[in-house]
Amino acid sequence: MTDLVPQIQRLKQEKNVLILAHVYAPPEVQAAADFVGDSLSLSRKSADASIAQDKIIFCGVYFMAETAALLAPHKKVFISEPLAGCPMADMADAADVLKLKAAHPSAAVVTYVNS
């Protein structure tokens, strides 16, 4: 992959693309990215109006690409792997949470921020 980085850099310029990669992405993907960070920092980067590129390729899980699309509606957002999911974000099934809340109405509900 590292031998592809110069070609990817050239194509990013030609196509006016910004590549964002999550810290969990493989090192070779991070090497081709413009920015590498966690979910929050990449969301902030996608919303940054000073970034000139009109297209974003998101190398991360699906909900992060969705967030980028919401925060930058004027940009076209693509995801490198459309089936990429996050086990933590998918752990809490809504029906199970409602059932537990009904059984324990005074209990606080705590969840992962992206669930």
PDB file of N, CA and C in Angstrom:
ATOM      1  N   MET A   1       0.830  -1.209   0.000  1.00  0.00           N
ATOM      2  CA  MET A   1       0.000   0.000   0.000  1.00  0.00           C
ATOM      3  C   MET A   1       0.862   1.255   0.000  1.00  0.00           C
ATOM      4  N   THR A   2       1.988   1.236   0.697  1.00  0.00           N
ATOM      5  CA  THR A   2       2.802   2.448   0.791  1.00  0.00           C
ATOM      6  C   THR A   2       3.267   2.932  -0.575  1.00  0.00           C
ATOM      7  N   ASP A   3       3.411   2.010  -1.533  1.00  0.00           N
ATOM      8  CA  ASP A   3       3.794   2.436  -2.876  1.00  0.00           C
ATOM      9  C   ASP A   3       2.644   3.128  -3.599  1.00  0.00           C
ATOM     10  N   LEU A   4       1.423   3.005  -3.070  1.00  0.00           N
ATOM     11  CA  LEU A   4       0.261   3.675  -3.653  1.00  0.00           C
ATOM     12  C   LEU A   4       0.067   5.093  -3.125  1.00  0.00           C
ATOM     13  N   VAL A   5       0.709   5.422  -2.016  1.00  0.00           N
ATOM     14  CA  VAL A   5       0.491   6.723  -1.379  1.00  0.00           C
ATOM     15  C   VAL A   5       0.745   7.889  -2.336  1.00  0.00           C
ATOM     16  N   PRO A   6       1.840   7.918  -3.108  1.00  0.00           N
ATOM     17  CA  PRO A   6       2.024   9.039  -4.041  1.00  0.00           C
ATOM     18  C   PRO A   6       0.887   9.155  -5.067  1.00  0.00           C
ATOM     19  N   GLN A   7       0.399   8.015  -5.537  1.00  0.00           N
ATOM     20  CA  GLN A   7      -0.713   8.039  -6.495  1.00  0.00           C
ATOM     21  C   GLN A   7      -1.986   8.548  -5.816  1.00  0.00           C
ATOM     22  N   ILE A   8      -2.220   8.113  -4.587  1.00  0.00           N
ATOM     23  CA  ILE A   8      -3.387   8.585  -3.838  1.00  0.00           C
ATOM     24  C   ILE A   8      -3.285  10.089  -3.601  1.00  0.00           C
ATOM     25  N   GLN A   9      -2.105  10.577  -3.239  1.00  0.00           N
ATOM     26  CA  GLN A   9      -1.909  12.017  -3.015  1.00  0.00           C
ATOM     27  C   GLN A   9      -2.241  12.804  -4.287  1.00  0.00           C
ATOM     28  N   ARG A  10      -1.780  12.308  -5.423  1.00  0.00           N
ATOM     29  CA  ARG A  10      -2.047  12.978  -6.702  1.00  0.00           C
ATOM     30  C   ARG A  10      -3.548  12.990  -7.001  1.00  0.00           C
ATOM     31  N   LEU A  11      -4.205  11.858  -6.807  1.00  0.00           N
ATOM     32  CA  LEU A  11      -5.640  11.773  -7.074  1.00  0.00           C
ATOM     33  C   LEU A  11      -6.451  12.651  -6.125  1.00  0.00           C
ATOM     34  N   LYS A  12      -6.009  12.751  -4.863  1.00  0.00           N
ATOM     35  CA  LYS A  12      -6.706  13.640  -3.920  1.00  0.00           C
ATOM     36  C   LYS A  12      -6.701  15.071  -4.442  1.00  0.00           C
ATOM     37  N   GLN A  13      -5.563  15.505  -4.956  1.00  0.00           N
ATOM     38  CA  GLN A  13      -5.443  16.864  -5.507  1.00  0.00           C
ATOM     39  C   GLN A  13      -6.348  17.027  -6.730  1.00  0.00           C
ATOM     40  N   GLU A  14      -6.259  16.080  -7.651  1.00  0.00           N
ATOM     41  CA  GLU A  14      -7.029  16.156  -8.896  1.00  0.00           C
ATOM     42  C   GLU A  14      -8.532  16.143  -8.651  1.00  0.00           C
ATOM     43  N   LYS A  15      -8.966  15.323  -7.715  1.00  0.00           N
ATOM     44  CA  LYS A  15     -10.401  15.127  -7.467  1.00  0.00           C
ATOM     45  C   LYS A  15     -10.948  16.006  -6.341  1.00  0.00           C
ATOM     46  N   ASN A  16     -10.081  16.815  -5.727  1.00  0.00           N
ATOM     47  CA  ASN A  16     -10.491  17.712  -4.643  1.00  0.00           C
ATOM     48  C   ASN A  16     -11.110  16.938  -3.471  1.00  0.00           C
ATOM     49  N   VAL A  17     -10.362  15.947  -2.992  1.00  0.00           N
ATOM     50  CA  VAL A  17     -10.836  15.025  -1.960  1.00  0.00           C
ATOM     51  C   VAL A  17     -10.024  15.177  -0.676  1.00  0.00           C
ATOM     52  N   LEU A  18     -10.717  15.105   0.440  1.00  0.00           N
ATOM     53  CA  LEU A  18     -10.110  15.067   1.767  1.00  0.00           C
ATOM     54  C   LEU A  18     -10.285  13.648   2.299  1.00  0.00           C
ATOM     55  N   ILE A  19      -9.221  13.035   2.781  1.00  0.00           N
ATOM     56  CA  ILE A  19      -9.323  11.699   3.370  1.00  0.00           C
ATOM     57  C   ILE A  19      -9.147  11.816   4.878  1.00  0.00           C
ATOM     58  N   LEU A  20     -10.158  11.328   5.599  1.00  0.00           N
ATOM     59  CA  LEU A  20     -10.139  11.301   7.058  1.00  0.00           C
ATOM     60  C   LEU A  20     -10.067   9.845   7.500  1.00  0.00           C
ATOM     61  N   ALA A  21      -9.149   9.526   8.403  1.00  0.00           N
ATOM     62  CA  ALA A  21      -8.994   8.147   8.879  1.00  0.00           C
ATOM     63  C   ALA A  21      -9.063   8.099  10.396  1.00  0.00           C
ATOM     64  N   HIS A  22      -9.791   7.130  10.899  1.00  0.00           N
ATOM     65  CA  HIS A  22      -9.881   6.918  12.336  1.00  0.00           C
ATOM     66  C   HIS A  22      -8.575   6.310  12.841  1.00  0.00           C
ATOM     67  N   VAL A  23      -8.279   6.557  14.102  1.00  0.00           N
ATOM     68  CA  VAL A  23      -7.046   6.023  14.694  1.00  0.00           C
ATOM     69  C   VAL A  23      -7.000   4.499  14.659  1.00  0.00           C
ATOM     70  N   TYR A  24      -8.144   3.850  14.532  1.00  0.00           N
ATOM     71  CA  TYR A  24      -8.178   2.391  14.453  1.00  0.00           C
ATOM     72  C   TYR A  24      -7.909   1.872  13.045  1.00  0.00           C
ATOM     73  N   ALA A  25      -7.871   2.761  12.050  1.00  0.00           N
ATOM     74  CA  ALA A  25      -7.592   2.328  10.674  1.00  0.00           C
ATOM     75  C   ALA A  25      -6.162   1.789  10.597  1.00  0.00           C
ATOM     76  N   PRO A  26      -5.921   0.866   9.690  1.00  0.00           N
ATOM     77  CA  PRO A  26      -4.560   0.327   9.550  1.00  0.00           C
ATOM     78  C   PRO A  26      -3.551   1.432   9.220  1.00  0.00           C
ATOM     79  N   PRO A  27      -2.304   1.256   9.627  1.00  0.00           N
ATOM     80  CA  PRO A  27      -1.270   2.278   9.388  1.00  0.00           C
ATOM     81  C   PRO A  27      -1.142   2.692   7.923  1.00  0.00           C
ATOM     82  N   GLU A  28      -1.295   1.752   7.005  1.00  0.00           N
ATOM     83  CA  GLU A  28      -1.175   2.109   5.588  1.00  0.00           C
ATOM     84  C   GLU A  28      -2.319   3.010   5.123  1.00  0.00           C
ATOM     85  N   VAL A  29      -3.490   2.881   5.739  1.00  0.00           N
ATOM     86  CA  VAL A  29      -4.606   3.788   5.434  1.00  0.00           C
ATOM     87  C   VAL A  29      -4.316   5.153   6.045  1.00  0.00           C
ATOM     88  N   GLN A  30      -3.843   5.169   7.275  1.00  0.00           N
ATOM     89  CA  GLN A  30      -3.497   6.428   7.926  1.00  0.00           C
ATOM     90  C   GLN A  30      -2.436   7.184   7.135  1.00  0.00           C
ATOM     91  N   ALA A  31      -1.513   6.459   6.509  1.00  0.00           N
ATOM     92  CA  ALA A  31      -0.437   7.100   5.740  1.00  0.00           C
ATOM     93  C   ALA A  31      -0.976   7.893   4.557  1.00  0.00           C
ATOM     94  N   ALA A  32      -2.107   7.484   4.023  1.00  0.00           N
ATOM     95  CA  ALA A  32      -2.691   8.172   2.870  1.00  0.00           C
ATOM     96  C   ALA A  32      -3.669   9.274   3.280  1.00  0.00           C
ATOM     97  N   ALA A  33      -4.001   9.340   4.569  1.00  0.00           N
ATOM     98  CA  ALA A  33      -5.014  10.283   5.046  1.00  0.00           C
ATOM     99  C   ALA A  33      -4.453  11.689   5.223  1.00  0.00           C
ATOM    100  N   ASP A  34      -5.358  12.666   5.104  1.00  0.00           N
ATOM    101  CA  ASP A  34      -5.001  14.056   5.390  1.00  0.00           C
ATOM    102  C   ASP A  34      -5.014  14.314   6.891  1.00  0.00           C
ATOM    103  N   PHE A  35      -5.947  13.648   7.579  1.00  0.00           N
ATOM    104  CA  PHE A  35      -6.064  13.787   9.027  1.00  0.00           C
ATOM    105  C   PHE A  35      -6.399  12.435   9.624  1.00  0.00           C
ATOM    106  N   VAL A  36      -5.816  12.149  10.772  1.00  0.00           N
ATOM    107  CA  VAL A  36      -6.088  10.929  11.529  1.00  0.00           C
ATOM    108  C   VAL A  36      -6.522  11.366  12.916  1.00  0.00           C
ATOM    109  N   GLY A  37      -7.593  10.770  13.423  1.00  0.00           N
ATOM    110  CA  GLY A  37      -8.043  11.149  14.751  1.00  0.00           C
ATOM    111  C   GLY A  37      -9.138  10.243  15.259  1.00  0.00           C
ATOM    112  N   ASP A  38      -9.679  10.601  16.423  1.00  0.00           N
ATOM    113  CA  ASP A  38     -10.795   9.854  16.986  1.00  0.00           C
ATOM    114  C   ASP A  38     -12.100  10.383  16.392  1.00  0.00           C
ATOM    115  N   SER A  39     -13.213   9.806  16.808  1.00  0.00           N
ATOM    116  CA  SER A  39     -14.512  10.183  16.248  1.00  0.00           C
ATOM    117  C   SER A  39     -14.789  11.673  16.373  1.00  0.00           C
ATOM    118  N   LEU A  40     -14.543  12.226  17.544  1.00  0.00           N
ATOM    119  CA  LEU A  40     -14.840  13.636  17.778  1.00  0.00           C
ATOM    120  C   LEU A  40     -13.967  14.547  16.922  1.00  0.00           C
ATOM    121  N   SER A  41     -12.671  14.302  16.903  1.00  0.00           N
ATOM    122  CA  SER A  41     -11.790  15.187  16.127  1.00  0.00           C
ATOM    123  C   SER A  41     -12.074  15.090  14.632  1.00  0.00           C
ATOM    124  N   LEU A  42     -12.428  13.909  14.142  1.00  0.00           N
ATOM    125  CA  LEU A  42     -12.745  13.773  12.718  1.00  0.00           C
ATOM    126  C   LEU A  42     -14.081  14.431  12.389  1.00  0.00           C
ATOM    127  N   SER A  43     -15.028  14.384  13.310  1.00  0.00           N
ATOM    128  CA  SER A  43     -16.294  15.093  13.104  1.00  0.00           C
ATOM    129  C   SER A  43     -16.047  16.592  13.020  1.00  0.00           C
ATOM    130  N   ARG A  44     -15.230  17.088  13.920  1.00  0.00           N
ATOM    131  CA  ARG A  44     -14.894  18.520  13.892  1.00  0.00           C
ATOM    132  C   ARG A  44     -14.181  18.884  12.597  1.00  0.00           C
ATOM    133  N   LYS A  45     -13.282  18.024  12.148  1.00  0.00           N
ATOM    134  CA  LYS A  45     -12.541  18.296  10.916  1.00  0.00           C
ATOM    135  C   LYS A  45     -13.490  18.318   9.717  1.00  0.00           C
ATOM    136  N   SER A  46     -14.450  17.414   9.679  1.00  0.00           N
ATOM    137  CA  SER A  46     -15.382  17.385   8.550  1.00  0.00           C
ATOM    138  C   SER A  46     -16.259  18.633   8.515  1.00  0.00           C
ATOM    139  N   ALA A  47     -16.519  19.220   9.677  1.00  0.00           N
ATOM    140  CA  ALA A  47     -17.349  20.421   9.754  1.00  0.00           C
ATOM    141  C   ALA A  47     -16.561  21.708   9.561  1.00  0.00           C
ATOM    142  N   ASP A  48     -15.254  21.624   9.496  1.00  0.00           N
ATOM    143  CA  ASP A  48     -14.387  22.798   9.386  1.00  0.00           C
ATOM    144  C   ASP A  48     -14.604  23.494   8.040  1.00  0.00           C
ATOM    145  N   ALA A  49     -15.194  24.671   8.080  1.00  0.00           N
ATOM    146  CA  ALA A  49     -15.518  25.413   6.859  1.00  0.00           C
ATOM    147  C   ALA A  49     -14.284  25.892   6.106  1.00  0.00           C
ATOM    148  N   SER A  50     -13.145  25.924   6.764  1.00  0.00           N
ATOM    149  CA  SER A  50     -11.936  26.404   6.087  1.00  0.00           C
ATOM    150  C   SER A  50     -11.307  25.338   5.179  1.00  0.00           C
ATOM    151  N   ILE A  51     -11.812  24.121   5.247  1.00  0.00           N
ATOM    152  CA  ILE A  51     -11.282  23.050   4.393  1.00  0.00           C
ATOM    153  C   ILE A  51     -11.900  23.181   3.010  1.00  0.00           C
ATOM    154  N   ALA A  52     -11.049  23.298   2.010  1.00  0.00           N
ATOM    155  CA  ALA A  52     -11.499  23.609   0.652  1.00  0.00           C
ATOM    156  C   ALA A  52     -12.082  22.419  -0.103  1.00  0.00           C
ATOM    157  N   GLN A  53     -11.672  21.215   0.224  1.00  0.00           N
ATOM    158  CA  GLN A  53     -12.132  20.068  -0.553  1.00  0.00           C
ATOM    159  C   GLN A  53     -13.646  19.914  -0.467  1.00  0.00           C
ATOM    160  N   ASP A  54     -14.250  19.531  -1.603  1.00  0.00           N
ATOM    161  CA  ASP A  54     -15.704  19.383  -1.628  1.00  0.00           C
ATOM    162  C   ASP A  54     -16.151  17.925  -1.504  1.00  0.00           C
ATOM    163  N   LYS A  55     -15.196  17.018  -1.355  1.00  0.00           N
ATOM    164  CA  LYS A  55     -15.498  15.604  -1.171  1.00  0.00           C
ATOM    165  C   LYS A  55     -14.664  15.069  -0.006  1.00  0.00           C
ATOM    166  N   ILE A  56     -15.282  14.182   0.771  1.00  0.00           N
ATOM    167  CA  ILE A  56     -14.604  13.555   1.907  1.00  0.00           C
ATOM    168  C   ILE A  56     -14.694  12.043   1.746  1.00  0.00           C
ATOM    169  N   ILE A  57     -13.559  11.378   1.865  1.00  0.00           N
ATOM    170  CA  ILE A  57     -13.550   9.921   1.980  1.00  0.00           C
ATOM    171  C   ILE A  57     -13.262   9.623   3.441  1.00  0.00           C
ATOM    172  N   PHE A  58     -14.201   8.939   4.067  1.00  0.00           N
ATOM    173  CA  PHE A  58     -14.089   8.646   5.493  1.00  0.00           C
ATOM    174  C   PHE A  58     -13.650   7.205   5.668  1.00  0.00           C
ATOM    175  N   CYS A  59     -12.509   7.021   6.300  1.00  0.00           N
ATOM    176  CA  CYS A  59     -11.975   5.680   6.586  1.00  0.00           C
ATOM    177  C   CYS A  59     -12.245   5.385   8.049  1.00  0.00           C
ATOM    178  N   GLY A  60     -13.435   4.905   8.310  1.00  0.00           N
ATOM    179  CA  GLY A  60     -13.878   4.622   9.669  1.00  0.00           C
ATOM    180  C   GLY A  60     -15.199   3.890   9.608  1.00  0.00           C
ATOM    181  N   VAL A  61     -15.913   3.874  10.711  1.00  0.00           N
ATOM    182  CA  VAL A  61     -17.184   3.157  10.750  1.00  0.00           C
ATOM    183  C   VAL A  61     -18.310   4.012  10.180  1.00  0.00           C
ATOM    184  N   TYR A  62     -19.393   3.335   9.852  1.00  0.00           N
ATOM    185  CA  TYR A  62     -20.506   3.953   9.133  1.00  0.00           C
ATOM    186  C   TYR A  62     -21.053   5.197   9.831  1.00  0.00           C
ATOM    187  N   PHE A  63     -21.270   5.137  11.160  1.00  0.00           N
ATOM    188  CA  PHE A  63     -21.885   6.284  11.829  1.00  0.00           C
ATOM    189  C   PHE A  63     -21.004   7.529  11.761  1.00  0.00           C
ATOM    190  N   MET A  64     -19.692   7.346  11.641  1.00  0.00           N
ATOM    191  CA  MET A  64     -18.809   8.514  11.538  1.00  0.00           C
ATOM    192  C   MET A  64     -18.970   9.189  10.177  1.00  0.00           C
ATOM    193  N   ALA A  65     -19.150   8.404   9.132  1.00  0.00           N
ATOM    194  CA  ALA A  65     -19.403   8.990   7.812  1.00  0.00           C
ATOM    195  C   ALA A  65     -20.761   9.690   7.804  1.00  0.00           C
ATOM    196  N   GLU A  66     -21.750   9.101   8.471  1.00  0.00           N
ATOM    197  CA  GLU A  66     -23.060   9.751   8.587  1.00  0.00           C
ATOM    198  C   GLU A  66     -22.935  11.090   9.302  1.00  0.00           C
ATOM    199  N   THR A  67     -22.159  11.112  10.383  1.00  0.00           N
ATOM    200  CA  THR A  67     -21.947  12.349  11.133  1.00  0.00           C
ATOM    201  C   THR A  67     -21.278  13.399  10.264  1.00  0.00           C
ATOM    202  N   ALA A  68     -20.276  13.002   9.507  1.00  0.00           N
ATOM    203  CA  ALA A  68     -19.593  13.940   8.606  1.00  0.00           C
ATOM    204  C   ALA A  68     -20.575  14.512   7.591  1.00  0.00           C
ATOM    205  N   ALA A  69     -21.455  13.676   7.057  1.00  0.00           N
ATOM    206  CA  ALA A  69     -22.442  14.144   6.078  1.00  0.00           C
ATOM    207  C   ALA A  69     -23.414  15.139   6.710  1.00  0.00           C
ATOM    208  N   LEU A  70     -23.782  14.916   7.958  1.00  0.00           N
ATOM    209  CA  LEU A  70     -24.676  15.849   8.656  1.00  0.00           C
ATOM    210  C   LEU A  70     -23.989  17.175   8.952  1.00  0.00           C
ATOM    211  N   LEU A  71     -22.725  17.114   9.345  1.00  0.00           N
ATOM    212  CA  LEU A  71     -21.994  18.323   9.724  1.00  0.00           C
ATOM    213  C   LEU A  71     -21.466  19.111   8.528  1.00  0.00           C
ATOM    214  N   ALA A  72     -21.390  18.470   7.380  1.00  0.00           N
ATOM    215  CA  ALA A  72     -20.886  19.131   6.165  1.00  0.00           C
ATOM    216  C   ALA A  72     -21.837  18.831   5.006  1.00  0.00           C
ATOM    217  N   PRO A  73     -23.083  19.320   5.080  1.00  0.00           N
ATOM    218  CA  PRO A  73     -24.076  18.967   4.053  1.00  0.00           C
ATOM    219  C   PRO A  73     -23.721  19.466   2.653  1.00  0.00           C
ATOM    220  N   HIS A  74     -22.828  20.423   2.556  1.00  0.00           N
ATOM    221  CA  HIS A  74     -22.408  20.967   1.265  1.00  0.00           C
ATOM    222  C   HIS A  74     -21.308  20.124   0.619  1.00  0.00           C
ATOM    223  N   LYS A  75     -20.866  19.082   1.312  1.00  0.00           N
ATOM    224  CA  LYS A  75     -19.806  18.210   0.782  1.00  0.00           C
ATOM    225  C   LYS A  75     -20.366  16.821   0.500  1.00  0.00           C
ATOM    226  N   LYS A  76     -19.772  16.153  -0.453  1.00  0.00           N
ATOM    227  CA  LYS A  76     -20.133  14.772  -0.772  1.00  0.00           C
ATOM    228  C   LYS A  76     -19.254  13.875   0.098  1.00  0.00           C
ATOM    229  N   VAL A  77     -19.872  12.987   0.882  1.00  0.00           N
ATOM    230  CA  VAL A  77     -19.130  12.120   1.796  1.00  0.00           C
ATOM    231  C   VAL A  77     -19.230  10.669   1.322  1.00  0.00           C
ATOM    232  N   PHE A  78     -18.076  10.035   1.240  1.00  0.00           N
ATOM    233  CA  PHE A  78     -17.982   8.627   0.862  1.00  0.00           C
ATOM    234  C   PHE A  78     -17.364   7.873   2.027  1.00  0.00           C
ATOM    235  N   ILE A  79     -17.674   6.593   2.124  1.00  0.00           N
ATOM    236  CA  ILE A  79     -17.055   5.766   3.160  1.00  0.00           C
ATOM    237  C   ILE A  79     -16.256   4.664   2.475  1.00  0.00           C
ATOM    238  N   SER A  80     -15.079   4.417   3.001  1.00  0.00           N
ATOM    239  CA  SER A  80     -14.199   3.427   2.371  1.00  0.00           C
ATOM    240  C   SER A  80     -14.755   2.008   2.479  1.00  0.00           C
ATOM    241  N   GLU A  81     -15.501   1.726   3.527  1.00  0.00           N
ATOM    242  CA  GLU A  81     -16.101   0.396   3.715  1.00  0.00           C
ATOM    243  C   GLU A  81     -17.518   0.573   4.237  1.00  0.00           C
ATOM    244  N   PRO A  82     -18.530   0.541   3.328  1.00  0.00           N
ATOM    245  CA  PRO A  82     -19.914   0.813   3.729  1.00  0.00           C
ATOM    246  C   PRO A  82     -20.466  -0.107   4.819  1.00  0.00           C
ATOM    247  N   LEU A  83     -19.912  -1.289   4.973  1.00  0.00           N
ATOM    248  CA  LEU A  83     -20.413  -2.215   5.989  1.00  0.00           C
ATOM    249  C   LEU A  83     -19.659  -2.123   7.309  1.00  0.00           C
ATOM    250  N   ALA A  84     -18.755  -1.166   7.424  1.00  0.00           N
ATOM    251  CA  ALA A  84     -17.974  -1.023   8.658  1.00  0.00           C
ATOM    252  C   ALA A  84     -18.893  -0.562   9.788  1.00  0.00           C
ATOM    253  N   GLY A  85     -18.968  -1.367  10.814  1.00  0.00           N
ATOM    254  CA  GLY A  85     -19.805  -1.036  11.957  1.00  0.00           C
ATOM    255  C   GLY A  85     -18.982  -0.942  13.227  1.00  0.00           C
ATOM    256  N   CYS A  86     -19.637  -0.506  14.277  1.00  0.00           N
ATOM    257  CA  CYS A  86     -18.978  -0.359  15.573  1.00  0.00           C
ATOM    258  C   CYS A  86     -19.724  -1.223  16.588  1.00  0.00           C
ATOM    259  N   PRO A  87     -19.083  -2.265  17.102  1.00  0.00           N
ATOM    260  CA  PRO A  87     -19.755  -3.125  18.078  1.00  0.00           C
ATOM    261  C   PRO A  87     -20.260  -2.361  19.301  1.00  0.00           C
ATOM    262  N   MET A  88     -19.498  -1.375  19.766  1.00  0.00           N
ATOM    263  CA  MET A  88     -19.940  -0.611  20.943  1.00  0.00           C
ATOM    264  C   MET A  88     -21.204   0.181  20.639  1.00  0.00           C
ATOM    265  N   ALA A  89     -21.279   0.776  19.454  1.00  0.00           N
ATOM    266  CA  ALA A  89     -22.455   1.564  19.099  1.00  0.00           C
ATOM    267  C   ALA A  89     -23.684   0.683  18.914  1.00  0.00           C
ATOM    268  N   ASP A  90     -23.478  -0.588  18.597  1.00  0.00           N
ATOM    269  CA  ASP A  90     -24.590  -1.503  18.341  1.00  0.00           C
ATOM    270  C   ASP A  90     -24.970  -2.365  19.542  1.00  0.00           C
ATOM    271  N   MET A  91     -24.319  -2.181  20.675  1.00  0.00           N
ATOM    272  CA  MET A  91     -24.564  -3.047  21.830  1.00  0.00           C
ATOM    273  C   MET A  91     -25.942  -2.856  22.451  1.00  0.00           C
ATOM    274  N   ALA A  92     -26.418  -1.648  22.499  1.00  0.00           N
ATOM    275  CA  ALA A  92     -27.673  -1.364  23.193  1.00  0.00           C
ATOM    276  C   ALA A  92     -28.842  -1.444  22.217  1.00  0.00           C
ATOM    277  N   ASP A  93     -29.603  -2.512  22.312  1.00  0.00           N
ATOM    278  CA  ASP A  93     -30.804  -2.668  21.505  1.00  0.00           C
ATOM    279  C   ASP A  93     -31.910  -1.830  22.152  1.00  0.00           C
ATOM    280  N   ALA A  94     -32.591  -1.014  21.364  1.00  0.00           N
ATOM    281  CA  ALA A  94     -33.599  -0.093  21.901  1.00  0.00           C
ATOM    282  C   ALA A  94     -34.689  -0.827  22.676  1.00  0.00           C
ATOM    283  N   ALA A  95     -35.158  -1.949  22.171  1.00  0.00           N
ATOM    284  CA  ALA A  95     -36.220  -2.697  22.853  1.00  0.00           C
ATOM    285  C   ALA A  95     -35.747  -3.189  24.221  1.00  0.00           C
ATOM    286  N   ASP A  96     -34.510  -3.659  24.294  1.00  0.00           N
ATOM    287  CA  ASP A  96     -33.965  -4.124  25.576  1.00  0.00           C
ATOM    288  C   ASP A  96     -33.832  -2.979  26.576  1.00  0.00           C
ATOM    289  N   VAL A  97     -33.404  -1.828  26.104  1.00  0.00           N
ATOM    290  CA  VAL A  97     -33.264  -0.664  26.986  1.00  0.00           C
ATOM    291  C   VAL A  97     -34.629  -0.259  27.537  1.00  0.00           C
ATOM    292  N   LEU A  98     -35.639  -0.211  26.679  1.00  0.00           N
ATOM    293  CA  LEU A  98     -36.987   0.152  27.127  1.00  0.00           C
ATOM    294  C   LEU A  98     -37.530  -0.864  28.135  1.00  0.00           C
ATOM    295  N   LYS A  99     -37.268  -2.125  27.899  1.00  0.00           N
ATOM    296  CA  LYS A  99     -37.714  -3.181  28.814  1.00  0.00           C
ATOM    297  C   LYS A  99     -37.048  -3.027  30.185  1.00  0.00           C
ATOM    298  N   LEU A 100     -35.741  -2.800  30.189  1.00  0.00           N
ATOM    299  CA  LEU A 100     -35.026  -2.602  31.452  1.00  0.00           C
ATOM    300  C   LEU A 100     -35.482  -1.331  32.162  1.00  0.00           C
ATOM    301  N   LYS A 101     -35.730  -0.275  31.396  1.00  0.00           N
ATOM    302  CA  LYS A 101     -36.177   0.990  31.990  1.00  0.00           C
ATOM    303  C   LYS A 101     -37.561   0.820  32.623  1.00  0.00           C
ATOM    304  N   ALA A 102     -38.424   0.045  31.979  1.00  0.00           N
ATOM    305  CA  ALA A 102     -39.749  -0.216  32.543  1.00  0.00           C
ATOM    306  C   ALA A 102     -39.636  -1.007  33.849  1.00  0.00           C
ATOM    307  N   ALA A 103     -38.694  -1.931  33.898  1.00  0.00           N
ATOM    308  CA  ALA A 103     -38.498  -2.736  35.108  1.00  0.00           C
ATOM    309  C   ALA A 103     -37.798  -1.959  36.216  1.00  0.00           C
ATOM    310  N   HIS A 104     -37.019  -0.946  35.832  1.00  0.00           N
ATOM    311  CA  HIS A 104     -36.243  -0.145  36.796  1.00  0.00           C
ATOM    312  C   HIS A 104     -36.390   1.337  36.451  1.00  0.00           C
ATOM    313  N   PRO A 105     -37.579   1.904  36.676  1.00  0.00           N
ATOM    314  CA  PRO A 105     -37.847   3.279  36.229  1.00  0.00           C
ATOM    315  C   PRO A 105     -36.955   4.350  36.852  1.00  0.00           C
ATOM    316  N   SER A 106     -36.419   4.103  38.025  1.00  0.00           N
ATOM    317  CA  SER A 106     -35.576   5.134  38.650  1.00  0.00           C
ATOM    318  C   SER A 106     -34.099   5.005  38.259  1.00  0.00           C
ATOM    319  N   ALA A 107     -33.759   3.967  37.532  1.00  0.00           N
ATOM    320  CA  ALA A 107     -32.358   3.758  37.131  1.00  0.00           C
ATOM    321  C   ALA A 107     -31.975   4.717  36.006  1.00  0.00           C
ATOM    322  N   ALA A 108     -30.770   5.218  36.094  1.00  0.00           N
ATOM    323  CA  ALA A 108     -30.251   6.089  35.031  1.00  0.00           C
ATOM    324  C   ALA A 108     -29.813   5.228  33.847  1.00  0.00           C
ATOM    325  N   VAL A 109     -30.017   5.746  32.665  1.00  0.00           N
ATOM    326  CA  VAL A 109     -29.569   5.058  31.453  1.00  0.00           C
ATOM    327  C   VAL A 109     -28.261   5.703  31.015  1.00  0.00           C
ATOM    328  N   VAL A 110     -27.232   4.895  30.899  1.00  0.00           N
ATOM    329  CA  VAL A 110     -25.916   5.371  30.480  1.00  0.00           C
ATOM    330  C   VAL A 110     -25.526   4.579  29.240  1.00  0.00           C
ATOM    331  N   THR A 111     -25.058   5.275  28.222  1.00  0.00           N
ATOM    332  CA  THR A 111     -24.698   4.587  26.984  1.00  0.00           C
ATOM    333  C   THR A 111     -23.505   5.248  26.312  1.00  0.00           C
ATOM    334  N   TYR A 112     -22.911   4.545  25.400  1.00  0.00           N
ATOM    335  CA  TYR A 112     -21.830   5.055  24.567  1.00  0.00           C
ATOM    336  C   TYR A 112     -22.373   6.203  23.728  1.00  0.00           C
ATOM    337  N   VAL A 113     -21.617   7.237  23.558  1.00  0.00           N
ATOM    338  CA  VAL A 113     -22.075   8.452  22.893  1.00  0.00           C
ATOM    339  C   VAL A 113     -22.608   8.202  21.482  1.00  0.00           C
ATOM    340  N   ASN A 114     -22.103   7.215  20.778  1.00  0.00           N
ATOM    341  CA  ASN A 114     -22.521   6.967  19.403  1.00  0.00           C
ATOM    342  C   ASN A 114     -23.612   5.917  19.263  1.00  0.00           C
ATOM    343  N   SER A 115     -24.167   5.447  20.368  1.00  0.00           N
ATOM    344  CA  SER A 115     -25.220   4.428  20.309  1.00  0.00           C
ATOM    345  C   SER A 115     -26.556   5.050  19.982  1.00  0.00           C
TER     346      SER A 115
END
